[in-house]
């Protein structure tokens, strides 16, 4: 959790501190999104796709990556949703799927 890492050793965070940090993260994300110019990628993509969708997606198979990938898109379904795919127990399954992929790429 990013808040935990910022405040290690501190017992709790005030609502004001939490709001300020959330605002900083949102501002940084907006600036990154606004300034980033996506270019196509020549290689293959291994796309980890959450099995549970939290919102409507126009392209549920490739999640919008098709125009940007020149190689093949390999999809790997993982348990959970966008916010919980790394949390227990999903994270353990995600790690197993990733390790199997890495072992097979050797």
C-alpha atoms as a PDB file:
ATOM      1  CA  UNK A   1       0.000   0.000   0.000  1.00  0.00           C
ATOM      2  CA  UNK A   2       1.537   3.332  -1.056  1.00  0.00           C
ATOM      3  CA  UNK A   3       0.200   5.122   2.026  1.00  0.00           C
ATOM      4  CA  UNK A   4       1.854   2.592   4.328  1.00  0.00           C
ATOM      5  CA  UNK A   5       5.215   3.008   2.615  1.00  0.00           C
ATOM      6  CA  UNK A   6       5.045   6.798   2.941  1.00  0.00           C
ATOM      7  CA  UNK A   7       4.187   6.690   6.619  1.00  0.00           C
ATOM      8  CA  UNK A   8       6.109   3.685   8.013  1.00  0.00           C
ATOM      9  CA  UNK A   9       6.211   3.837  11.758  1.00  0.00           C
ATOM     10  CA  UNK A  10       3.411   6.395  12.000  1.00  0.00           C
ATOM     11  CA  UNK A  11       0.353   5.036  13.780  1.00  0.00           C
ATOM     12  CA  UNK A  12      -2.274   6.684  11.618  1.00  0.00           C
ATOM     13  CA  UNK A  13      -2.815   9.329   9.018  1.00  0.00           C
ATOM     14  CA  UNK A  14      -5.265  12.185   9.453  1.00  0.00           C
ATOM     15  CA  UNK A  15      -8.065  12.621   6.948  1.00  0.00           C
ATOM     16  CA  UNK A  16      -6.377  15.828   5.817  1.00  0.00           C
ATOM     17  CA  UNK A  17      -3.036  14.042   5.197  1.00  0.00           C
ATOM     18  CA  UNK A  18      -4.769  11.251   3.307  1.00  0.00           C
ATOM     19  CA  UNK A  19      -6.704  13.738   1.156  1.00  0.00           C
ATOM     20  CA  UNK A  20      -3.499  15.661   0.385  1.00  0.00           C
ATOM     21  CA  UNK A  21      -1.659  12.489  -0.648  1.00  0.00           C
ATOM     22  CA  UNK A  22      -4.555  11.288  -2.779  1.00  0.00           C
ATOM     23  CA  UNK A  23      -4.639  14.689  -4.488  1.00  0.00           C
ATOM     24  CA  UNK A  24      -0.872  14.491  -5.153  1.00  0.00           C
ATOM     25  CA  UNK A  25      -1.205  11.009  -6.678  1.00  0.00           C
ATOM     26  CA  UNK A  26      -4.161  12.073  -8.830  1.00  0.00           C
ATOM     27  CA  UNK A  27      -2.296  15.172 -10.039  1.00  0.00           C
ATOM     28  CA  UNK A  28       0.809  13.125 -10.893  1.00  0.00           C
ATOM     29  CA  UNK A  29      -1.272  10.547 -12.753  1.00  0.00           C
ATOM     30  CA  UNK A  30      -3.032  13.269 -14.755  1.00  0.00           C
ATOM     31  CA  UNK A  31       0.278  14.946 -15.666  1.00  0.00           C
ATOM     32  CA  UNK A  32       1.748  11.612 -16.771  1.00  0.00           C
ATOM     33  CA  UNK A  33      -1.341  10.798 -18.837  1.00  0.00           C
ATOM     34  CA  UNK A  34      -1.409  14.275 -20.386  1.00  0.00           C
ATOM     35  CA  UNK A  35       2.306  14.313 -21.322  1.00  0.00           C
ATOM     36  CA  UNK A  36       2.832  10.724 -22.455  1.00  0.00           C
ATOM     37  CA  UNK A  37       2.904  10.078 -26.186  1.00  0.00           C
ATOM     38  CA  UNK A  38       2.275   6.397 -26.822  1.00  0.00           C
ATOM     39  CA  UNK A  39       4.132   4.782 -29.702  1.00  0.00           C
ATOM     40  CA  UNK A  40       3.754   1.323 -31.167  1.00  0.00           C
ATOM     41  CA  UNK A  41       5.724  -1.579 -29.749  1.00  0.00           C
ATOM     42  CA  UNK A  42       7.374  -3.977 -32.204  1.00  0.00           C
ATOM     43  CA  UNK A  43       7.450  -7.037 -29.918  1.00  0.00           C
ATOM     44  CA  UNK A  44       4.917  -9.359 -28.367  1.00  0.00           C
ATOM     45  CA  UNK A  45       2.754  -8.409 -25.387  1.00  0.00           C
ATOM     46  CA  UNK A  46       1.846 -10.671 -22.504  1.00  0.00           C
ATOM     47  CA  UNK A  47      -1.357  -9.147 -21.174  1.00  0.00           C
ATOM     48  CA  UNK A  48      -2.494 -10.128 -17.687  1.00  0.00           C
ATOM     49  CA  UNK A  49      -6.245  -9.662 -17.774  1.00  0.00           C
ATOM     50  CA  UNK A  50      -8.315  -9.593 -14.577  1.00  0.00           C
ATOM     51  CA  UNK A  51     -11.188 -12.078 -14.700  1.00  0.00           C
ATOM     52  CA  UNK A  52     -13.563  -9.726 -12.867  1.00  0.00           C
ATOM     53  CA  UNK A  53     -14.289  -6.490 -14.722  1.00  0.00           C
ATOM     54  CA  UNK A  54     -15.124  -3.425 -12.618  1.00  0.00           C
ATOM     55  CA  UNK A  55     -16.305  -1.298 -15.543  1.00  0.00           C
ATOM     56  CA  UNK A  56     -17.422  -1.488 -19.174  1.00  0.00           C
ATOM     57  CA  UNK A  57     -14.636  -2.213 -21.658  1.00  0.00           C
ATOM     58  CA  UNK A  58     -15.009  -1.755 -25.434  1.00  0.00           C
ATOM     59  CA  UNK A  59     -12.329  -4.383 -26.087  1.00  0.00           C
ATOM     60  CA  UNK A  60     -12.583  -7.067 -23.390  1.00  0.00           C
ATOM     61  CA  UNK A  61     -10.212  -9.410 -25.231  1.00  0.00           C
ATOM     62  CA  UNK A  62      -7.159  -7.128 -25.688  1.00  0.00           C
ATOM     63  CA  UNK A  63      -8.158  -4.159 -23.469  1.00  0.00           C
ATOM     64  CA  UNK A  64      -7.396  -1.632 -26.202  1.00  0.00           C
ATOM     65  CA  UNK A  65      -3.771  -2.686 -26.869  1.00  0.00           C
ATOM     66  CA  UNK A  66      -4.245  -3.912 -30.459  1.00  0.00           C
ATOM     67  CA  UNK A  67      -3.408  -0.613 -32.244  1.00  0.00           C
ATOM     68  CA  UNK A  68      -0.145  -0.271 -30.323  1.00  0.00           C
ATOM     69  CA  UNK A  69       1.346  -3.784 -30.591  1.00  0.00           C
ATOM     70  CA  UNK A  70       3.001  -4.950 -33.811  1.00  0.00           C
ATOM     71  CA  UNK A  71       3.677  -8.468 -32.490  1.00  0.00           C
ATOM     72  CA  UNK A  72       1.292 -11.012 -31.023  1.00  0.00           C
ATOM     73  CA  UNK A  73      -0.826 -10.302 -27.958  1.00  0.00           C
ATOM     74  CA  UNK A  74      -0.906 -13.208 -25.511  1.00  0.00           C
ATOM     75  CA  UNK A  75      -3.654 -12.927 -22.892  1.00  0.00           C
ATOM     76  CA  UNK A  76      -3.351 -14.517 -19.477  1.00  0.00           C
ATOM     77  CA  UNK A  77      -6.424 -14.385 -17.254  1.00  0.00           C
ATOM     78  CA  UNK A  78      -5.746 -13.822 -13.566  1.00  0.00           C
ATOM     79  CA  UNK A  79      -8.185 -13.895 -10.639  1.00  0.00           C
ATOM     80  CA  UNK A  80      -9.625 -10.754  -9.131  1.00  0.00           C
ATOM     81  CA  UNK A  81     -10.312  -7.321 -10.544  1.00  0.00           C
ATOM     82  CA  UNK A  82      -8.129  -4.327 -11.380  1.00  0.00           C
ATOM     83  CA  UNK A  83      -7.781  -3.393  -7.717  1.00  0.00           C
ATOM     84  CA  UNK A  84      -7.515  -6.868  -6.152  1.00  0.00           C
ATOM     85  CA  UNK A  85      -5.438  -8.990  -8.531  1.00  0.00           C
ATOM     86  CA  UNK A  86      -2.318  -8.653  -6.336  1.00  0.00           C
ATOM     87  CA  UNK A  87      -4.140  -9.051  -3.000  1.00  0.00           C
ATOM     88  CA  UNK A  88      -4.464 -12.411  -1.195  1.00  0.00           C
ATOM     89  CA  UNK A  89      -5.441 -14.926  -2.318  1.00  0.00           C
ATOM     90  CA  UNK A  90      -5.275 -13.601  -5.922  1.00  0.00           C
ATOM     91  CA  UNK A  91      -1.649 -12.470  -5.688  1.00  0.00           C
ATOM     92  CA  UNK A  92      -0.408 -15.993  -5.082  1.00  0.00           C
ATOM     93  CA  UNK A  93      -2.213 -17.251  -8.182  1.00  0.00           C
ATOM     94  CA  UNK A  94      -0.979 -14.269 -10.207  1.00  0.00           C
ATOM     95  CA  UNK A  95       2.608 -15.023  -9.111  1.00  0.00           C
ATOM     96  CA  UNK A  96       2.221 -18.676 -10.141  1.00  0.00           C
ATOM     97  CA  UNK A  97       0.916 -17.696 -13.604  1.00  0.00           C
ATOM     98  CA  UNK A  98       3.747 -15.183 -14.041  1.00  0.00           C
ATOM     99  CA  UNK A  99       6.394 -17.693 -12.927  1.00  0.00           C
ATOM    100  CA  UNK A 100       5.076 -20.318 -15.347  1.00  0.00           C
ATOM    101  CA  UNK A 101       5.250 -17.770 -18.161  1.00  0.00           C
ATOM    102  CA  UNK A 102       8.819 -16.792 -17.260  1.00  0.00           C
ATOM    103  CA  UNK A 103       9.871 -20.446 -17.059  1.00  0.00           C
ATOM    104  CA  UNK A 104       8.416 -21.114 -20.514  1.00  0.00           C
ATOM    105  CA  UNK A 105      10.113 -18.082 -22.089  1.00  0.00           C
ATOM    106  CA  UNK A 106      13.602 -19.409 -21.269  1.00  0.00           C
END
